[in-house]
PDB file of N, CA and C in Angstrom:
ATOM      1  N   MET A   1      22.726 -37.202 151.605  1.00  0.00           N
ATOM      2  CA  MET A   1      21.559 -36.996 150.815  1.00  0.00           C
ATOM      3  C   MET A   1      21.685 -37.884 149.504  1.00  0.00           C
ATOM      4  N   ARG A   2      22.920 -37.917 148.923  1.00  0.00           N
ATOM      5  CA  ARG A   2      23.169 -38.565 147.712  1.00  0.00           C
ATOM      6  C   ARG A   2      22.832 -40.103 147.880  1.00  0.00           C
ATOM      7  N   ASP A   3      23.367 -40.583 149.016  1.00  0.00           N
ATOM      8  CA  ASP A   3      23.234 -42.078 149.178  1.00  0.00           C
ATOM      9  C   ASP A   3      21.552 -42.365 149.439  1.00  0.00           C
ATOM     10  N   PHE A   4      20.818 -41.454 150.057  1.00  0.00           N
ATOM     11  CA  PHE A   4      19.395 -41.663 150.324  1.00  0.00           C
ATOM     12  C   PHE A   4      18.708 -41.605 148.970  1.00  0.00           C
ATOM     13  N   LEU A   5      19.097 -40.793 147.931  1.00  0.00           N
ATOM     14  CA  LEU A   5      18.500 -40.792 146.691  1.00  0.00           C
ATOM     15  C   LEU A   5      18.886 -41.958 145.891  1.00  0.00           C
ATOM     16  N   THR A   6      20.084 -42.440 146.012  1.00  0.00           N
ATOM     17  CA  THR A   6      20.501 -43.599 145.322  1.00  0.00           C
ATOM     18  C   THR A   6      19.695 -44.807 145.874  1.00  0.00           C
ATOM     19  N   ALA A   7      19.555 -44.962 147.132  1.00  0.00           N
ATOM     20  CA  ALA A   7      18.790 -46.037 147.690  1.00  0.00           C
ATOM     21  C   ALA A   7      17.326 -45.966 147.265  1.00  0.00           C
ATOM     22  N   LEU A   8      16.791 -44.791 147.305  1.00  0.00           N
ATOM     23  CA  LEU A   8      15.399 -44.552 146.708  1.00  0.00           C
ATOM     24  C   LEU A   8      15.221 -44.999 145.302  1.00  0.00           C
ATOM     25  N   ALA A   9      16.062 -44.627 144.528  1.00  0.00           N
ATOM     26  CA  ALA A   9      15.990 -44.920 143.095  1.00  0.00           C
ATOM     27  C   ALA A   9      16.082 -46.518 142.847  1.00  0.00           C
ATOM     28  N   LEU A  10      17.153 -47.146 143.672  1.00  0.00           N
ATOM     29  CA  LEU A  10      17.211 -48.614 143.618  1.00  0.00           C
ATOM     30  C   LEU A  10      15.975 -49.222 143.976  1.00  0.00           C
ATOM     31  N   ALA A  11      15.378 -48.858 145.151  1.00  0.00           N
ATOM     32  CA  ALA A  11      14.112 -49.403 145.617  1.00  0.00           C
ATOM     33  C   ALA A  11      12.984 -49.242 144.471  1.00  0.00           C
ATOM     34  N   LEU A  12      12.938 -48.119 143.807  1.00  0.00           N
ATOM     35  CA  LEU A  12      11.872 -47.984 142.851  1.00  0.00           C
ATOM     36  C   LEU A  12      12.146 -48.850 141.683  1.00  0.00           C
ATOM     37  N   ALA A  13      13.342 -48.959 141.250  1.00  0.00           N
ATOM     38  CA  ALA A  13      13.795 -49.865 140.165  1.00  0.00           C
ATOM     39  C   ALA A  13      13.455 -51.297 140.363  1.00  0.00           C
ATOM     40  N   ILE A  14      13.756 -51.748 141.686  1.00  0.00           N
ATOM     41  CA  ILE A  14      13.438 -53.229 142.022  1.00  0.00           C
ATOM     42  C   ILE A  14      11.985 -53.398 142.141  1.00  0.00           C
ATOM     43  N   GLU A  15      11.268 -52.464 142.658  1.00  0.00           N
ATOM     44  CA  GLU A  15       9.655 -52.598 142.539  1.00  0.00           C
ATOM     45  C   GLU A  15       9.154 -52.469 141.164  1.00  0.00           C
ATOM     46  N   GLY A  16       9.705 -51.654 140.436  1.00  0.00           N
ATOM     47  CA  GLY A  16       9.211 -51.618 139.054  1.00  0.00           C
ATOM     48  C   GLY A  16       9.392 -52.828 138.156  1.00  0.00           C
ATOM     49  N   VAL A  17      10.506 -53.567 138.492  1.00  0.00           N
ATOM     50  CA  VAL A  17      10.813 -54.706 137.784  1.00  0.00           C
ATOM     51  C   VAL A  17       9.863 -55.878 138.125  1.00  0.00           C
ATOM     52  N   ALA A  18       9.517 -55.802 139.617  1.00  0.00           N
ATOM     53  CA  ALA A  18       8.519 -56.811 140.079  1.00  0.00           C
ATOM     54  C   ALA A  18       7.252 -56.634 139.453  1.00  0.00           C
ATOM     55  N   TYR A  19       6.746 -55.397 139.216  1.00  0.00           N
ATOM     56  CA  TYR A  19       5.434 -55.122 138.763  1.00  0.00           C
ATOM     57  C   TYR A  19       5.510 -55.509 137.155  1.00  0.00           C
ATOM     58  N   ALA A  20       6.611 -55.168 136.462  1.00  0.00           N
ATOM     59  CA  ALA A  20       6.708 -55.407 135.088  1.00  0.00           C
ATOM     60  C   ALA A  20       6.734 -56.951 134.800  1.00  0.00           C
ATOM     61  N   LEU A  21       7.455 -57.729 135.607  1.00  0.00           N
ATOM     62  CA  LEU A  21       7.628 -59.236 135.423  1.00  0.00           C
ATOM     63  C   LEU A  21       6.513 -60.031 135.944  1.00  0.00           C
ATOM     64  N   PHE A  22       5.860 -59.613 137.015  1.00  0.00           N
ATOM     65  CA  PHE A  22       4.894 -60.450 137.651  1.00  0.00           C
ATOM     66  C   PHE A  22       3.574 -59.526 138.123  1.00  0.00           C
ATOM     67  N   PRO A  23       2.854 -58.910 137.026  1.00  0.00           N
ATOM     68  CA  PRO A  23       1.696 -58.051 137.366  1.00  0.00           C
ATOM     69  C   PRO A  23       0.651 -58.767 138.015  1.00  0.00           C
ATOM     70  N   ALA A  24       0.298 -59.958 137.712  1.00  0.00           N
ATOM     71  CA  ALA A  24      -0.810 -60.694 138.262  1.00  0.00           C
ATOM     72  C   ALA A  24      -0.452 -61.080 139.738  1.00  0.00           C
ATOM     73  N   GLY A  25       0.742 -61.564 140.006  1.00  0.00           N
ATOM     74  CA  GLY A  25       1.323 -61.791 141.220  1.00  0.00           C
ATOM     75  C   GLY A  25       1.391 -60.713 142.180  1.00  0.00           C
ATOM     76  N   MET A  26       1.637 -59.568 141.628  1.00  0.00           N
ATOM     77  CA  MET A  26       1.580 -58.371 142.560  1.00  0.00           C
ATOM     78  C   MET A  26       0.268 -57.940 142.892  1.00  0.00           C
ATOM     79  N   GLN A  27      -0.777 -58.144 141.931  1.00  0.00           N
ATOM     80  CA  GLN A  27      -2.126 -57.825 142.255  1.00  0.00           C
ATOM     81  C   GLN A  27      -2.632 -58.757 143.410  1.00  0.00           C
ATOM     82  N   ARG A  28      -2.294 -60.067 143.274  1.00  0.00           N
ATOM     83  CA  ARG A  28      -2.734 -60.997 144.377  1.00  0.00           C
ATOM     84  C   ARG A  28      -2.138 -60.580 145.667  1.00  0.00           C
ATOM     85  N   MET A  29      -0.852 -60.188 145.522  1.00  0.00           N
ATOM     86  CA  MET A  29      -0.182 -59.859 146.876  1.00  0.00           C
ATOM     87  C   MET A  29      -0.833 -58.672 147.535  1.00  0.00           C
ATOM     88  N   MET A  30      -1.145 -57.650 146.717  1.00  0.00           N
ATOM     89  CA  MET A  30      -1.670 -56.436 147.138  1.00  0.00           C
ATOM     90  C   MET A  30      -3.209 -56.755 147.748  1.00  0.00           C
ATOM     91  N   ALA A  31      -3.914 -57.696 147.208  1.00  0.00           N
ATOM     92  CA  ALA A  31      -5.268 -58.075 147.625  1.00  0.00           C
ATOM     93  C   ALA A  31      -5.090 -58.915 148.981  1.00  0.00           C
ATOM     94  N   ALA A  32      -4.044 -59.646 149.066  1.00  0.00           N
ATOM     95  CA  ALA A  32      -3.797 -60.310 150.474  1.00  0.00           C
ATOM     96  C   ALA A  32      -3.350 -59.358 151.459  1.00  0.00           C
ATOM     97  N   VAL A  33      -2.640 -58.406 151.229  1.00  0.00           N
ATOM     98  CA  VAL A  33      -2.172 -57.322 152.081  1.00  0.00           C
ATOM     99  C   VAL A  33      -3.425 -56.610 152.689  1.00  0.00           C
ATOM    100  N   GLN A  34      -4.390 -56.383 151.844  1.00  0.00           N
ATOM    101  CA  GLN A  34      -5.616 -55.620 152.233  1.00  0.00           C
ATOM    102  C   GLN A  34      -6.347 -56.345 153.370  1.00  0.00           C
ATOM    103  N   ASP A  35      -6.240 -57.754 153.400  1.00  0.00           N
ATOM    104  CA  ASP A  35      -6.937 -58.576 154.428  1.00  0.00           C
ATOM    105  C   ASP A  35      -6.222 -58.600 155.708  1.00  0.00           C
ATOM    106  N   LEU A  36      -4.969 -58.116 155.752  1.00  0.00           N
ATOM    107  CA  LEU A  36      -4.109 -58.175 157.023  1.00  0.00           C
ATOM    108  C   LEU A  36      -4.566 -57.133 158.033  1.00  0.00           C
ATOM    109  N   PRO A  37      -4.541 -57.430 159.259  1.00  0.00           N
ATOM    110  CA  PRO A  37      -4.843 -56.390 160.337  1.00  0.00           C
ATOM    111  C   PRO A  37      -3.681 -55.404 160.294  1.00  0.00           C
ATOM    112  N   PRO A  38      -4.086 -54.118 160.755  1.00  0.00           N
ATOM    113  CA  PRO A  38      -2.967 -53.134 160.844  1.00  0.00           C
ATOM    114  C   PRO A  38      -1.718 -53.518 161.693  1.00  0.00           C
ATOM    115  N   SER A  39      -2.051 -54.356 162.733  1.00  0.00           N
ATOM    116  CA  SER A  39      -0.944 -54.703 163.746  1.00  0.00           C
ATOM    117  C   SER A  39       0.048 -55.606 162.829  1.00  0.00           C
ATOM    118  N   ALA A  40      -0.494 -56.576 161.976  1.00  0.00           N
ATOM    119  CA  ALA A  40       0.476 -57.413 161.233  1.00  0.00           C
ATOM    120  C   ALA A  40       1.305 -56.525 160.261  1.00  0.00           C
ATOM    121  N   LEU A  41       0.642 -55.542 159.684  1.00  0.00           N
ATOM    122  CA  LEU A  41       1.224 -54.657 158.663  1.00  0.00           C
ATOM    123  C   LEU A  41       2.428 -53.926 159.422  1.00  0.00           C
ATOM    124  N   ARG A  42       2.010 -53.341 160.557  1.00  0.00           N
ATOM    125  CA  ARG A  42       3.037 -52.578 161.327  1.00  0.00           C
ATOM    126  C   ARG A  42       4.295 -53.503 161.695  1.00  0.00           C
ATOM    127  N   ALA A  43       3.969 -54.652 162.108  1.00  0.00           N
ATOM    128  CA  ALA A  43       5.067 -55.647 162.473  1.00  0.00           C
ATOM    129  C   ALA A  43       5.978 -55.995 161.321  1.00  0.00           C
ATOM    130  N   ALA A  44       5.363 -56.216 160.213  1.00  0.00           N
ATOM    131  CA  ALA A  44       5.983 -56.445 158.958  1.00  0.00           C
ATOM    132  C   ALA A  44       6.916 -55.288 158.535  1.00  0.00           C
ATOM    133  N   GLY A  45       6.224 -54.099 158.673  1.00  0.00           N
ATOM    134  CA  GLY A  45       7.003 -52.865 158.337  1.00  0.00           C
ATOM    135  C   GLY A  45       8.198 -52.669 159.226  1.00  0.00           C
ATOM    136  N   LEU A  46       8.013 -52.813 160.511  1.00  0.00           N
ATOM    137  CA  LEU A  46       9.189 -52.695 161.360  1.00  0.00           C
ATOM    138  C   LEU A  46      10.179 -53.694 161.193  1.00  0.00           C
ATOM    139  N   ALA A  47       9.892 -54.960 160.926  1.00  0.00           N
ATOM    140  CA  ALA A  47      10.867 -56.025 160.662  1.00  0.00           C
ATOM    141  C   ALA A  47      11.664 -55.715 159.367  1.00  0.00           C
ATOM    142  N   ALA A  48      10.925 -55.210 158.312  1.00  0.00           N
ATOM    143  CA  ALA A  48      11.586 -54.904 157.074  1.00  0.00           C
ATOM    144  C   ALA A  48      12.520 -53.659 157.226  1.00  0.00           C
ATOM    145  N   ALA A  49      12.111 -52.709 157.934  1.00  0.00           N
ATOM    146  CA  ALA A  49      12.863 -51.568 158.212  1.00  0.00           C
ATOM    147  C   ALA A  49      14.211 -51.929 159.055  1.00  0.00           C
ATOM    148  N   ALA A  50      13.985 -52.746 159.944  1.00  0.00           N
ATOM    149  CA  ALA A  50      15.150 -53.151 160.869  1.00  0.00           C
ATOM    150  C   ALA A  50      16.145 -54.081 159.959  1.00  0.00           C
ATOM    151  N   ALA A  51      15.728 -54.905 159.165  1.00  0.00           N
ATOM    152  CA  ALA A  51      16.351 -55.577 158.292  1.00  0.00           C
ATOM    153  C   ALA A  51      17.173 -54.853 157.247  1.00  0.00           C
ATOM    154  N   GLY A  52      16.554 -53.763 156.772  1.00  0.00           N
ATOM    155  CA  GLY A  52      17.127 -52.776 155.900  1.00  0.00           C
ATOM    156  C   GLY A  52      18.212 -52.046 156.359  1.00  0.00           C
ATOM    157  N   VAL A  53      17.927 -51.580 157.629  1.00  0.00           N
ATOM    158  CA  VAL A  53      18.971 -50.944 158.458  1.00  0.00           C
ATOM    159  C   VAL A  53      20.328 -51.766 158.700  1.00  0.00           C
ATOM    160  N   MET A  54      19.937 -53.050 159.146  1.00  0.00           N
ATOM    161  CA  MET A  54      21.147 -53.960 159.328  1.00  0.00           C
ATOM    162  C   MET A  54      21.806 -54.250 158.088  1.00  0.00           C
ATOM    163  N   GLY A  55      21.180 -54.533 156.970  1.00  0.00           N
ATOM    164  CA  GLY A  55      21.802 -54.696 155.845  1.00  0.00           C
ATOM    165  C   GLY A  55      22.611 -53.513 155.216  1.00  0.00           C
ATOM    166  N   VAL A  56      22.257 -52.361 155.487  1.00  0.00           N
ATOM    167  CA  VAL A  56      23.102 -51.218 155.173  1.00  0.00           C
ATOM    168  C   VAL A  56      24.238 -51.124 155.990  1.00  0.00           C
ATOM    169  N   ALA A  57      24.163 -51.403 157.325  1.00  0.00           N
ATOM    170  CA  ALA A  57      25.158 -51.511 158.309  1.00  0.00           C
ATOM    171  C   ALA A  57      26.239 -52.532 157.894  1.00  0.00           C
ATOM    172  N   LEU A  58      25.737 -53.617 157.497  1.00  0.00           N
ATOM    173  CA  LEU A  58      26.600 -54.780 157.204  1.00  0.00           C
ATOM    174  C   LEU A  58      27.281 -54.482 155.886  1.00  0.00           C
ATOM    175  N   ALA A  59      26.590 -53.851 154.846  1.00  0.00           N
ATOM    176  CA  ALA A  59      27.242 -53.404 153.628  1.00  0.00           C
ATOM    177  C   ALA A  59      28.346 -52.416 153.757  1.00  0.00           C
ATOM    178  N   ARG A  60      28.155 -51.556 154.694  1.00  0.00           N
ATOM    179  CA  ARG A  60      29.068 -50.482 154.969  1.00  0.00           C
ATOM    180  C   ARG A  60      30.220 -50.832 155.889  1.00  0.00           C
ATOM    181  N   GLY A  61      30.102 -52.042 156.446  1.00  0.00           N
ATOM    182  CA  GLY A  61      31.027 -52.493 157.492  1.00  0.00           C
ATOM    183  C   GLY A  61      30.941 -51.899 158.895  1.00  0.00           C
ATOM    184  N   GLY A  62      29.679 -51.436 159.234  1.00  0.00           N
ATOM    185  CA  GLY A  62      29.366 -50.863 160.444  1.00  0.00           C
ATOM    186  C   GLY A  62      29.249 -51.845 161.575  1.00  0.00           C
ATOM    187  N   LEU A  63      29.066 -53.062 161.473  1.00  0.00           N
ATOM    188  CA  LEU A  63      28.692 -53.949 162.481  1.00  0.00           C
ATOM    189  C   LEU A  63      29.886 -54.947 162.826  1.00  0.00           C
ATOM    190  N   SER A  64      31.111 -54.549 162.315  1.00  0.00           N
ATOM    191  CA  SER A  64      32.293 -55.400 162.547  1.00  0.00           C
ATOM    192  C   SER A  64      32.999 -55.103 163.851  1.00  0.00           C
TER     193      SER A  64
END
């Protein structure tokens, strides 16, 4: 549970920095996302989740 909360806090920190440094860019990105079909969002979400799981596994030495 501690690792999950650490990961969640890190994700919030990274996202917060993006909004703080590039507010107009984030607004443009959110507007562009609204125009995407749900299937594209689903595919992007699954790809991001898979990349995240693989990244955690690599960082922890689980894929060796």
